C-alpha cells in the first residue's frame, strides 16, 4: 500500500533531498490518481531496478543506438505482398513484457475493441452483428506501422507518467524509422521539436509500433480509444452497431429501412475520421453488404442468431480428413505441399481448435475423425 509519509521517511533516512522526495511523491500520485494499480516509474534507472534490465541496455534502446534491438523477418500476406515482423531482443522483450503485464494490461480499451482483450474473442466480436440486414466493413492499411511514437507517448502520458518517462517508455515500445524510409516524404513523420536535454535521444524521424513486440497489440487498442469513441458516435447517430477487431472495422444494423445512401455517408465520414487520426483506409476493402446478401464478419457467417463457420471452411477441413484417412498422411502432405507431416498436423489441429471456439459440437466430431488418422510416430 502506497504511503507518501512512509516514502518520505525512508527517503530522508537514506539522505535524499526533500525536494527530490516531494517530486517523487508528486509523480507517483499523478499515476495512482489515474489507476491505483499502476506502478510508479520515476526515472529510467527506476525502471531498470524494477525490470532487472541494466540501465545501459535501457539507455541504448531508448537512444536507438542498439542495432540489435529487433530481429526482422517477413511472411507472405494472403492478399499479396509481405508482412514484416520484428522480434525484440531478449532484454528488450523482457522489458516490453513487463510494461505489458504491469501497465498496459491494467488499462481497459474502448468497449468496441475486441482484439487482444482478455475475455473477448473473434466470436464475441462477430456475434455483435448477428442477424444484421446491412453491413459496412472497413480495413486499415499497415495498422501497427501507422501508429507513431508520439501517439504511444500520449498513451503513457495520459496515465499520469511524467513527460520524460512517457517518452522513454514510448521509445522502448517502438522501432526506429530508417532515414531512407518512405515515411521521410511525409511531414507528420518528421520530429518537429528535438529532445535536446539528452543529446543521444535526438532523432529526425518518429519511430512506430512494430509487429512482433508484446506491447504492440495493447498499445494499438489504447491509441485507437479516441478514434473508437468518435466512430462509436457515428454509429449511434445512424443507429448502427460498431466494433473493431484490430484493423477490421464493422458497422451493422438490423433495420430494414436503412439505405445505400446512408451507408455511403457513413463510409465518407469514417474515412475522414481515420485519415484525420493518421490512418490510411484500405479503400479496396470497404464493403457495403445489403439486405439479402451473405453476411460475413471476421470470416464467420452472422446471418443467424449465432456466428457460424463458413461452408468453405468446413469443406476444406472435411476434405483434409477424408484424404488423410484414404491415402495416409505422407501422400496427402506431399500432395498439398506442406514441409512436414508434423507441421501439417499442427496446422490441422489449429483449424479444429479454432472451430471449437465457434461450433464446439462440430469440432468434437472433427476431432474424433482426426484421431482416427494413422499418424506416424
Protein backbone atom coordinates (compact mmCIF):
# COMPACT_ATOMS: atom_id res chain seq x y z
CA UNK A 1 0.00 0.00 0.00
CA UNK A 2 1.43 3.37 -1.06
CA UNK A 3 2.09 5.92 1.66
CA UNK A 4 3.66 9.27 0.87
CA UNK A 5 4.73 9.66 4.51
CA UNK A 6 6.44 6.28 4.55
CA UNK A 7 8.16 7.11 1.25
CA UNK A 8 9.37 10.45 2.60
CA UNK A 9 10.54 8.88 5.87
CA UNK A 10 12.60 6.20 4.09
CA UNK A 11 13.99 8.73 1.65
CA UNK A 12 15.20 11.04 4.42
CA UNK A 13 16.74 8.04 6.18
CA UNK A 14 18.84 7.37 3.08
CA UNK A 15 19.83 11.02 2.80
CA UNK A 16 17.72 12.00 -0.19
CA UNK A 17 16.97 15.74 -0.60
CA UNK A 18 13.44 16.74 0.41
CA UNK A 19 12.89 18.43 -2.99
CA UNK A 20 13.65 15.13 -4.76
CA UNK A 21 11.31 13.23 -2.45
CA UNK A 22 8.49 15.73 -2.97
CA UNK A 23 8.94 15.41 -6.73
CA UNK A 24 8.82 11.61 -6.44
CA UNK A 25 5.63 11.77 -4.38
CA UNK A 26 4.01 14.13 -6.88
CA UNK A 27 4.91 11.89 -9.83
CA UNK A 28 3.77 8.71 -8.08
CA UNK A 29 0.43 10.16 -7.02
CA UNK A 30 -0.23 11.50 -10.53
CA UNK A 31 -0.12 7.88 -11.76
CA UNK A 32 -2.09 6.47 -8.80
CA UNK A 33 -4.79 9.09 -9.25
CA UNK A 34 -5.38 7.68 -12.72
CA UNK A 35 -5.21 4.00 -11.71
CA UNK A 36 -4.09 2.88 -8.26
CA UNK A 37 -2.83 -0.44 -9.67
CA UNK A 38 -0.26 1.14 -11.98
CA UNK A 39 3.40 1.11 -10.90
CA UNK A 40 5.33 4.27 -10.20
CA UNK A 41 8.25 4.87 -12.60
CA UNK A 42 10.25 7.93 -11.64
CA UNK A 43 13.28 7.57 -13.92
CA UNK A 44 14.84 5.17 -16.40
CA UNK A 45 17.09 3.95 -13.58
CA UNK A 46 13.97 3.25 -11.52
CA UNK A 47 12.58 1.20 -14.45
CA UNK A 48 15.92 -0.63 -14.64
CA UNK A 49 15.62 -1.63 -10.99
CA UNK A 50 12.01 -2.73 -11.42
CA UNK A 51 12.63 -4.84 -14.53
CA UNK A 52 16.11 -6.17 -13.78
CA UNK A 53 17.44 -4.92 -17.13
CA UNK A 54 20.59 -2.81 -16.92
CA UNK A 55 20.36 0.96 -17.27
CA UNK A 56 22.97 0.75 -20.01
CA UNK A 57 20.72 -1.58 -22.04
CA UNK A 58 17.64 0.56 -21.49
CA UNK A 59 19.50 3.70 -22.49
CA UNK A 60 20.74 2.06 -25.71
CA UNK A 61 17.19 1.03 -26.63
CA UNK A 62 15.77 4.48 -25.92
CA UNK A 63 18.53 6.28 -27.86
CA UNK A 64 18.14 3.81 -30.79
CA UNK A 65 21.89 3.07 -30.56
CA UNK A 66 21.42 -0.70 -30.24
CA UNK A 67 21.23 -2.04 -33.80
CA UNK A 68 20.33 -5.49 -32.50
CA UNK A 69 17.17 -4.37 -30.71
CA UNK A 70 14.99 -6.32 -33.15
CA UNK A 71 15.34 -9.31 -35.47
CA UNK A 72 13.42 -8.66 -38.68
CA UNK A 73 11.78 -11.20 -41.00
CA UNK A 74 8.78 -11.25 -43.33
CA UNK A 75 5.87 -13.55 -44.09
CA UNK A 76 3.58 -13.62 -47.11
CA UNK A 77 0.16 -11.96 -46.83
CA UNK A 78 -2.91 -13.78 -48.13
CA UNK A 79 -3.81 -10.66 -50.08
CA UNK A 80 -0.32 -10.43 -51.59
CA UNK A 81 2.85 -8.66 -50.55
CA UNK A 82 4.88 -9.23 -47.37
CA UNK A 83 4.19 -8.60 -43.70
CA UNK A 84 7.28 -7.55 -41.72
CA UNK A 85 7.71 -8.95 -38.22
CA UNK A 86 10.21 -7.56 -35.73
CA UNK A 87 11.06 -9.73 -32.74
CA UNK A 88 12.67 -7.81 -29.85
CA UNK A 89 15.99 -8.98 -28.42
CA UNK A 90 15.75 -10.93 -25.11
CA UNK A 91 16.41 -7.94 -22.79
CA UNK A 92 14.06 -5.65 -24.75
CA UNK A 93 11.45 -8.41 -24.91
CA UNK A 94 11.70 -8.76 -21.13
CA UNK A 95 11.14 -5.03 -20.61
CA UNK A 96 8.22 -4.95 -23.05
CA UNK A 97 6.58 -7.92 -21.32
CA UNK A 98 6.98 -6.11 -18.00
CA UNK A 99 5.39 -2.96 -19.44
CA UNK A 100 2.53 -5.04 -20.84
CA UNK A 101 1.94 -7.01 -17.62
CA UNK A 102 2.24 -4.16 -15.12
CA UNK A 103 0.90 -1.22 -17.12
CA UNK A 104 -0.92 -1.90 -20.39
CA UNK A 105 -2.89 -4.96 -19.28
CA UNK A 106 -4.38 -2.89 -16.43
CA UNK A 107 -5.85 -0.24 -18.73
CA UNK A 108 -9.13 -1.02 -20.47
CA UNK A 109 -9.52 -0.08 -24.14
CA UNK A 110 -12.80 1.19 -25.61
CA UNK A 111 -15.55 -1.43 -25.28
CA UNK A 112 -15.91 -1.56 -29.07
CA UNK A 113 -12.43 -3.10 -29.28
CA UNK A 114 -12.33 -6.92 -29.27
CA UNK A 115 -8.85 -7.98 -30.44
CA UNK A 116 -6.07 -8.56 -27.88
CA UNK A 117 -8.52 -8.09 -24.99
CA UNK A 118 -8.68 -10.69 -22.22
CA UNK A 119 -12.09 -12.35 -22.09
CA UNK A 120 -13.05 -11.31 -25.63
CA UNK A 121 -12.76 -13.36 -28.81
CA UNK A 122 -13.30 -13.21 -32.55
CA UNK A 123 -16.61 -15.00 -31.95
CA UNK A 124 -17.74 -12.34 -29.45
CA UNK A 125 -17.00 -9.63 -31.99
CA UNK A 126 -18.85 -11.38 -34.82
CA UNK A 127 -21.82 -12.10 -32.54
CA UNK A 128 -22.43 -8.36 -32.14
CA UNK A 129 -23.53 -8.32 -35.80
CA UNK A 130 -25.68 -11.48 -35.89
CA UNK A 131 -28.98 -11.04 -37.70
CA UNK A 132 -27.83 -7.83 -39.39
CA UNK A 133 -29.67 -6.66 -42.50
CA UNK A 134 -26.82 -4.36 -43.60
CA UNK A 135 -23.07 -4.47 -43.00
CA UNK A 136 -20.42 -1.82 -43.70
CA UNK A 137 -16.84 -3.08 -43.42
CA UNK A 138 -13.51 -1.21 -43.35
CA UNK A 139 -9.84 -2.09 -43.12
CA UNK A 140 -6.77 -0.01 -42.24
CA UNK A 141 -3.55 -0.27 -44.27
CA UNK A 142 -0.45 -1.23 -42.21
CA UNK A 143 -2.30 -0.65 -38.95
CA UNK A 144 0.52 -1.12 -36.41
CA UNK A 145 3.08 0.69 -38.55
CA UNK A 146 0.72 3.69 -38.83
CA UNK A 147 1.00 4.32 -35.09
CA UNK A 148 3.83 6.72 -34.23
CA UNK A 149 5.85 7.05 -31.06
CA UNK A 150 4.07 10.36 -30.35
CA UNK A 151 0.75 8.51 -30.12
CA UNK A 152 2.39 5.93 -27.85
CA UNK A 153 3.88 8.75 -25.75
CA UNK A 154 0.39 10.22 -25.37
CA UNK A 155 -0.90 6.90 -24.00
CA UNK A 156 1.71 6.75 -21.23
CA UNK A 157 1.45 10.46 -20.52
CA UNK A 158 -2.34 10.19 -20.20
CA UNK A 159 -1.81 7.53 -17.49
CA UNK A 160 -0.01 10.11 -15.36
CA UNK A 161 3.62 9.34 -16.20
CA UNK A 162 5.73 12.48 -16.45
CA UNK A 163 6.89 13.52 -19.95
CA UNK A 164 10.46 12.16 -19.88
CA UNK A 165 9.35 8.76 -18.54
CA UNK A 166 6.49 8.66 -21.07
CA UNK A 167 8.99 9.46 -23.83
CA UNK A 168 11.35 6.68 -22.69
CA UNK A 169 8.52 4.15 -22.38
CA UNK A 170 7.33 5.08 -25.89
CA UNK A 171 10.85 4.59 -27.27
CA UNK A 172 11.07 1.17 -25.58
CA UNK A 173 7.83 0.12 -27.30
CA UNK A 174 8.57 1.44 -30.81
CA UNK A 175 11.13 0.81 -33.53
CA UNK A 176 13.28 3.43 -35.27
CA UNK A 177 12.33 4.69 -38.73
CA UNK A 178 15.31 4.49 -41.15
CA UNK A 179 16.26 7.78 -42.83
CA UNK A 180 15.62 6.22 -46.24
CA UNK A 181 12.13 5.11 -45.26
CA UNK A 182 9.16 6.30 -47.40
CA UNK A 183 7.96 7.96 -44.17
CA UNK A 184 10.64 10.61 -44.74
CA UNK A 185 8.43 12.05 -47.51
CA UNK A 186 5.58 12.77 -45.06
CA UNK A 187 5.74 15.77 -42.72
CA UNK A 188 3.82 14.03 -39.93
CA UNK A 189 6.69 11.55 -39.50
CA UNK A 190 9.32 14.26 -39.01
CA UNK A 191 10.31 15.28 -35.49
CA UNK A 192 9.17 18.88 -35.04
CA UNK A 193 10.85 19.57 -31.71
CA UNK A 194 14.05 17.67 -30.88
CA UNK A 195 14.66 16.48 -27.32
CA UNK A 196 17.80 18.49 -26.53
CA UNK A 197 18.02 17.78 -22.79
CA UNK A 198 19.58 14.39 -23.52
CA UNK A 199 21.58 14.69 -26.73
CA UNK A 200 21.62 10.99 -27.64
CA UNK A 201 17.81 10.90 -27.68
CA UNK A 202 17.62 13.16 -30.75
CA UNK A 203 16.12 11.63 -33.93
CA UNK A 204 14.94 13.21 -37.19
CA UNK A 205 12.09 10.75 -37.84
CA UNK A 206 9.49 9.34 -35.47
CA UNK A 207 9.53 5.65 -34.60
CA UNK A 208 6.50 3.41 -34.99
CA UNK A 209 4.77 0.39 -33.47
CA UNK A 210 6.39 -2.88 -34.60
CA UNK A 211 4.51 -6.08 -35.32
CA UNK A 212 6.07 -8.73 -33.11
CA UNK A 213 6.54 -6.72 -29.91
CA UNK A 214 4.44 -7.93 -26.93
CA UNK A 215 3.38 -4.35 -26.18
CA UNK A 216 2.10 -3.50 -29.67
CA UNK A 217 -1.38 -5.13 -29.56
CA UNK A 218 -2.43 -3.46 -26.31
CA UNK A 219 -0.92 -0.13 -27.32
CA UNK A 220 -2.73 -0.19 -30.66
CA UNK A 221 -6.03 -0.53 -28.79
CA UNK A 222 -5.24 2.28 -26.36
CA UNK A 223 -4.05 4.59 -29.14
CA UNK A 224 -7.29 3.87 -31.01
CA UNK A 225 -9.51 4.64 -28.00
CA UNK A 226 -10.28 8.20 -29.13
CA UNK A 227 -10.93 7.03 -32.67
CA UNK A 228 -13.22 4.26 -31.34
CA UNK A 229 -15.11 6.90 -29.38
CA UNK A 230 -15.65 9.06 -32.48
CA UNK A 231 -16.64 6.11 -34.67
CA UNK A 232 -18.97 4.90 -31.94
CA UNK A 233 -20.62 8.34 -32.04
CA UNK A 234 -21.17 8.00 -35.80
CA UNK A 235 -22.69 4.56 -35.17
CA UNK A 236 -25.15 5.99 -32.62
CA UNK A 237 -26.11 8.78 -34.99
CA UNK A 238 -27.13 6.24 -37.66
CA UNK A 239 -28.46 3.68 -35.12
CA UNK A 240 -25.70 1.20 -36.01
CA UNK A 241 -23.64 -1.35 -34.10
CA UNK A 242 -19.89 -0.62 -34.18
CA UNK A 243 -16.98 -2.98 -33.45
CA UNK A 244 -13.26 -3.03 -34.16
CA UNK A 245 -11.10 -6.14 -34.21
CA UNK A 246 -7.57 -4.74 -34.61
CA UNK A 247 -7.74 -3.14 -38.09
CA UNK A 248 -11.11 -4.70 -39.05
CA UNK A 249 -13.90 -2.18 -38.54
CA UNK A 250 -17.55 -3.20 -38.85
CA UNK A 251 -20.86 -1.32 -38.67
CA UNK A 252 -24.20 -3.10 -38.85
CA UNK A 253 -27.93 -2.62 -38.46
CA UNK A 254 -30.96 -4.88 -38.17
CA UNK A 255 -33.22 -2.16 -39.61
CA UNK A 256 -34.94 -2.72 -42.95
CA UNK A 257 -35.27 0.96 -43.79
CA UNK A 258 -31.52 1.63 -43.87
CA UNK A 259 -30.35 2.70 -47.33
CA UNK A 260 -27.27 2.53 -49.54
CA UNK A 261 -27.21 6.32 -49.49
CA UNK A 262 -26.87 6.27 -45.69
CA UNK A 263 -24.16 3.61 -45.97
CA UNK A 264 -22.18 5.82 -48.35
CA UNK A 265 -22.45 8.74 -45.93
CA UNK A 266 -21.16 6.52 -43.11
CA UNK A 267 -18.22 5.48 -45.33
CA UNK A 268 -17.41 9.11 -46.15
CA UNK A 269 -17.40 10.15 -42.51
CA UNK A 270 -15.49 7.09 -41.25
CA UNK A 271 -12.77 7.52 -43.88
CA UNK A 272 -12.48 11.17 -42.90
CA UNK A 273 -12.08 10.28 -39.21
CA UNK A 274 -9.48 7.58 -39.92
CA UNK A 275 -7.49 9.91 -42.17
CA UNK A 276 -7.50 12.71 -39.58
CA UNK A 277 -6.28 10.25 -36.94
CA UNK A 278 -3.32 9.35 -39.17
CA UNK A 279 -4.58 6.07 -40.64
CA UNK A 280 -4.87 5.11 -44.30
CA UNK A 281 -8.22 3.42 -45.00
CA UNK A 282 -7.93 0.46 -47.36
CA UNK A 283 -10.44 1.76 -49.90
CA UNK A 284 -10.34 -1.51 -51.88
CA UNK A 285 -11.66 -3.42 -48.86
CA UNK A 286 -14.53 -1.09 -47.97
CA UNK A 287 -17.71 -3.09 -48.45
CA UNK A 288 -21.44 -2.44 -48.25
CA UNK A 289 -23.32 -5.70 -47.70
CA UNK A 290 -27.05 -5.03 -48.29
CA UNK A 291 -30.24 -6.90 -47.44
CA UNK A 292 -30.30 -10.39 -48.92
CA UNK A 293 -26.53 -10.73 -49.32
CA UNK A 294 -24.46 -13.18 -47.31
CA UNK A 295 -23.19 -11.59 -44.10
CA UNK A 296 -19.60 -12.43 -43.14
CA UNK A 297 -17.75 -10.76 -40.25
CA UNK A 298 -14.16 -11.77 -39.46
CA UNK A 299 -14.56 -14.88 -41.58
CA UNK A 300 -17.71 -16.02 -39.74
CA UNK A 301 -21.27 -16.25 -41.03
CA UNK A 302 -23.53 -13.94 -38.99
CA UNK A 303 -26.78 -14.45 -40.90
CA UNK A 304 -28.36 -16.33 -37.98
CA UNK A 305 -28.67 -15.83 -34.25
CA UNK A 306 -25.12 -17.07 -33.59
CA UNK A 307 -21.84 -16.92 -35.56
CA UNK A 308 -21.16 -19.98 -37.68
CA UNK A 309 -18.20 -21.35 -39.57
CA UNK A 310 -18.38 -20.76 -43.30
CA UNK A 311 -19.23 -23.71 -45.57
CA UNK A 312 -15.88 -23.29 -47.36
CA UNK A 313 -14.01 -23.74 -44.07
CA UNK A 314 -15.92 -26.91 -43.21
CA UNK A 315 -15.48 -28.32 -46.72
CA UNK A 316 -11.72 -27.74 -46.57
CA UNK A 317 -11.44 -29.37 -43.14
CA UNK A 318 -13.60 -32.31 -44.16
CA UNK A 319 -11.55 -32.81 -47.34
CA UNK A 320 -8.31 -32.92 -45.37
CA UNK A 321 -9.70 -35.57 -43.03
CA UNK A 322 -11.08 -37.62 -45.95
CA UNK A 323 -7.75 -37.82 -47.81
CA UNK A 324 -5.73 -38.35 -44.65
CA UNK A 325 -7.83 -41.43 -43.94
CA UNK A 326 -7.92 -42.59 -47.57
CA UNK A 327 -4.29 -42.22 -48.74
CA UNK A 328 -2.49 -41.58 -45.45
CA UNK A 329 -0.66 -38.57 -44.03
CA UNK A 330 2.53 -38.96 -46.10
CA UNK A 331 0.87 -38.86 -49.53
CA UNK A 332 -1.63 -36.17 -48.56
CA UNK A 333 1.02 -33.88 -47.05
CA UNK A 334 3.21 -34.25 -50.15
CA UNK A 335 0.24 -33.57 -52.45
CA UNK A 336 -0.63 -30.39 -50.51
CA UNK A 337 2.93 -29.08 -50.48
CA UNK A 338 3.50 -28.90 -46.72
CA UNK A 339 7.07 -29.07 -45.44
CA UNK A 340 6.45 -31.81 -42.89
CA UNK A 341 3.79 -34.15 -41.54
CA UNK A 342 4.14 -32.62 -38.09
CA UNK A 343 3.77 -29.11 -39.44
CA UNK A 344 0.60 -30.13 -41.27
CA UNK A 345 -0.71 -31.98 -38.22
CA UNK A 346 -0.26 -28.85 -36.10
CA UNK A 347 -1.95 -26.76 -38.80
CA UNK A 348 -4.95 -29.10 -38.94
CA UNK A 349 -5.19 -29.29 -35.16
CA UNK A 350 -5.18 -25.48 -35.10
CA UNK A 351 -8.13 -25.39 -37.51
CA UNK A 352 -10.08 -27.80 -35.30
CA UNK A 353 -9.26 -25.76 -32.18
CA UNK A 354 -10.49 -22.64 -33.98
CA UNK A 355 -13.69 -24.48 -34.98
CA UNK A 356 -14.18 -25.49 -31.34
CA UNK A 357 -14.36 -21.83 -30.35
CA UNK A 358 -17.13 -21.22 -32.89
CA UNK A 359 -19.04 -24.55 -33.16
CA UNK A 360 -17.99 -26.92 -30.36
CA UNK A 361 -20.15 -29.89 -31.43
CA UNK A 362 -18.88 -29.80 -35.00
CA UNK A 363 -15.30 -29.51 -33.77
CA UNK A 364 -15.79 -32.50 -31.47
CA UNK A 365 -16.81 -34.67 -34.44
CA UNK A 366 -13.83 -33.46 -36.47
CA UNK A 367 -11.53 -34.24 -33.54
CA UNK A 368 -12.82 -37.80 -33.45
CA UNK A 369 -12.01 -38.18 -37.16
CA UNK A 370 -8.62 -36.51 -36.63
CA UNK A 371 -7.75 -39.12 -34.02
CA UNK A 372 -8.68 -41.93 -36.42
CA UNK A 373 -5.93 -40.89 -38.82
CA UNK A 374 -2.94 -43.26 -38.80
CA UNK A 375 -0.39 -40.61 -37.89
CA UNK A 376 3.24 -41.85 -37.91
CA UNK A 377 5.02 -41.84 -34.56
